[in-house]
Protein backbone atom coordinates (compact mmCIF):
# COMPACT_ATOMS: atom_id res chain seq x y z
CA UNK A 1 14.87 -45.55 -32.22
CA UNK A 2 17.10 -43.45 -34.44
CA UNK A 3 17.34 -39.67 -34.32
CA UNK A 4 16.58 -38.11 -37.71
CA UNK A 5 17.53 -34.54 -36.80
CA UNK A 6 19.37 -32.48 -39.37
CA UNK A 7 22.58 -30.97 -38.02
CA UNK A 8 24.25 -27.82 -39.31
CA UNK A 9 27.17 -25.63 -38.34
CA UNK A 10 26.56 -23.12 -35.52
CA UNK A 11 26.78 -20.11 -37.82
CA UNK A 12 24.32 -21.58 -40.32
CA UNK A 13 22.02 -22.57 -37.46
CA UNK A 14 21.86 -18.98 -36.17
CA UNK A 15 21.14 -17.69 -39.68
CA UNK A 16 18.35 -20.24 -40.18
CA UNK A 17 16.99 -19.51 -36.71
CA UNK A 18 16.79 -15.75 -37.34
CA UNK A 19 15.36 -16.18 -40.84
CA UNK A 20 12.62 -18.62 -39.85
CA UNK A 21 11.60 -16.58 -36.82
CA UNK A 22 11.41 -13.35 -38.83
CA UNK A 23 9.48 -15.02 -41.65
CA UNK A 24 7.15 -16.63 -39.11
CA UNK A 25 6.56 -13.28 -37.43
CA UNK A 26 5.83 -11.69 -40.81
CA UNK A 27 3.21 -14.37 -41.53
CA UNK A 28 1.59 -13.86 -38.13
CA UNK A 29 1.45 -10.10 -38.70
CA UNK A 30 -0.02 -10.66 -42.17
CA UNK A 31 -2.66 -12.92 -40.62
CA UNK A 32 -3.59 -10.23 -38.13
CA UNK A 33 -3.75 -7.61 -40.89
CA UNK A 34 -6.07 -9.81 -42.96
CA UNK A 35 -8.20 -10.40 -39.89
CA UNK A 36 -7.41 -12.90 -37.18
CA UNK A 37 -10.95 -14.28 -37.16
CA UNK A 38 -11.03 -15.02 -40.91
CA UNK A 39 -9.93 -18.31 -42.43
CA UNK A 40 -7.05 -16.64 -44.28
CA UNK A 41 -5.91 -14.91 -41.09
CA UNK A 42 -5.99 -18.14 -39.13
CA UNK A 43 -4.06 -20.03 -41.81
CA UNK A 44 -1.42 -17.31 -42.03
CA UNK A 45 -1.07 -17.20 -38.25
CA UNK A 46 -0.75 -20.95 -37.89
CA UNK A 47 1.71 -21.10 -40.80
CA UNK A 48 3.78 -18.38 -39.17
CA UNK A 49 3.88 -20.22 -35.85
CA UNK A 50 4.92 -23.47 -37.53
CA UNK A 51 7.60 -21.72 -39.59
CA UNK A 52 8.94 -19.90 -36.53
CA UNK A 53 9.40 -23.20 -34.71
CA UNK A 54 11.12 -25.14 -37.50
CA UNK A 55 14.61 -24.75 -36.01
CA UNK A 56 13.48 -26.92 -33.09
CA UNK A 57 13.98 -29.88 -35.43
CA UNK A 58 17.44 -28.80 -36.58
CA UNK A 59 20.42 -29.69 -34.41
CA UNK A 60 23.52 -27.57 -34.03
CA UNK A 61 26.98 -29.11 -34.43
CA UNK A 62 29.36 -28.41 -31.59
């Protein structure tokens, strides 16, 4: 089984990590502002969680 992870330089990885986590947090906050029990709030919250975890699938070059 081959590993299909994307690898980037350490500096770029940190930048992507910070950016995706901040954007994910912003989407979660927007979902809570809209109303966590509404469909829009749930979709925003789930989207934020997924976006915040995207760097899990990106490898860092040593």
